[in-house]
C-alpha cells in the first residue's frame, strides 16, 4: 500500500518506535485536507446558485434571531 521509495525514506528518517504515530498523523492531515477541499467546493457551488445577500442583511437576520431566542 505504501510506495517502496516512501517506505525506505520512512525507515531511514523515523525511528521504529514512532513510525506508526508519524504515519497516522500524516494520514489525519491528508484526510482533513480532503474534507476541507470538498466542503470548500460545496460552499462555492452554493455561493454560485444562492441569492446575493449583503453583510447588513446577514447581521440584521442574526440580530433578529437572537432577540427571538430570548
Protein backbone atom coordinates (compact mmCIF):
# COMPACT_ATOMS: atom_id res chain seq x y z
CA UNK A 1 0.00 0.00 0.00
CA UNK A 2 2.89 2.38 0.69
CA UNK A 3 5.26 3.01 -2.20
CA UNK A 4 8.70 1.46 -1.79
CA UNK A 5 10.51 4.80 -2.01
CA UNK A 6 8.32 6.32 0.71
CA UNK A 7 8.70 3.23 2.90
CA UNK A 8 12.50 3.35 2.56
CA UNK A 9 12.61 7.04 3.43
CA UNK A 10 10.34 6.47 6.41
CA UNK A 11 12.62 3.69 7.66
CA UNK A 12 15.70 5.90 7.22
CA UNK A 13 14.30 9.03 8.84
CA UNK A 14 11.89 7.84 11.53
CA UNK A 15 12.84 5.55 14.41
CA UNK A 16 10.88 2.31 14.54
CA UNK A 17 9.02 3.14 17.74
CA UNK A 18 7.31 6.24 16.35
CA UNK A 19 6.63 5.34 12.70
CA UNK A 20 3.01 4.46 13.39
CA UNK A 21 2.45 7.84 15.02
CA UNK A 22 4.08 9.65 12.08
CA UNK A 23 2.03 7.71 9.52
CA UNK A 24 -1.23 8.21 11.41
CA UNK A 25 -0.60 11.95 11.76
CA UNK A 26 0.22 12.26 8.06
CA UNK A 27 -2.96 10.40 7.13
CA UNK A 28 -5.01 12.55 9.51
CA UNK A 29 -3.64 15.73 7.94
CA UNK A 30 -4.29 14.39 4.44
CA UNK A 31 -7.87 13.44 5.28
CA UNK A 32 -8.53 16.84 6.86
CA UNK A 33 -7.22 18.47 3.70
CA UNK A 34 -9.51 16.37 1.50
CA UNK A 35 -12.50 17.11 3.75
CA UNK A 36 -11.81 20.86 3.67
CA UNK A 37 -11.40 20.84 -0.11
CA UNK A 38 -14.75 19.06 -0.56
CA UNK A 39 -16.52 21.46 1.81
CA UNK A 40 -14.99 24.42 0.02
CA UNK A 41 -16.26 23.07 -3.30
CA UNK A 42 -19.75 22.68 -1.82
CA UNK A 43 -19.72 26.20 -0.41
CA UNK A 44 -18.56 27.66 -3.73
CA UNK A 45 -21.36 25.79 -5.52
CA UNK A 46 -23.92 27.15 -3.06
CA UNK A 47 -22.48 30.62 -3.49
CA UNK A 48 -22.94 30.44 -7.26
CA UNK A 49 -26.57 29.32 -7.08
CA UNK A 50 -27.74 31.07 -3.93
CA UNK A 51 -29.17 34.57 -3.61
CA UNK A 52 -26.85 37.52 -3.09
CA UNK A 53 -27.12 38.78 0.47
CA UNK A 54 -25.37 41.81 1.91
CA UNK A 55 -23.38 41.82 5.12
CA UNK A 56 -26.01 44.14 6.59
CA UNK A 57 -28.80 41.65 5.79
CA UNK A 58 -26.85 38.81 7.41
CA UNK A 59 -26.12 40.85 10.54
CA UNK A 60 -29.74 42.04 10.76
CA UNK A 61 -31.10 38.49 10.41
CA UNK A 62 -28.72 37.21 13.09
CA UNK A 63 -29.69 40.07 15.40
CA UNK A 64 -33.40 39.32 14.93
CA UNK A 65 -32.84 35.61 15.53
CA UNK A 66 -31.04 36.36 18.80
CA UNK A 67 -33.87 38.58 20.00
CA UNK A 68 -36.47 35.87 19.25
CA UNK A 69 -34.43 33.22 21.11
CA UNK A 70 -34.56 35.16 24.38
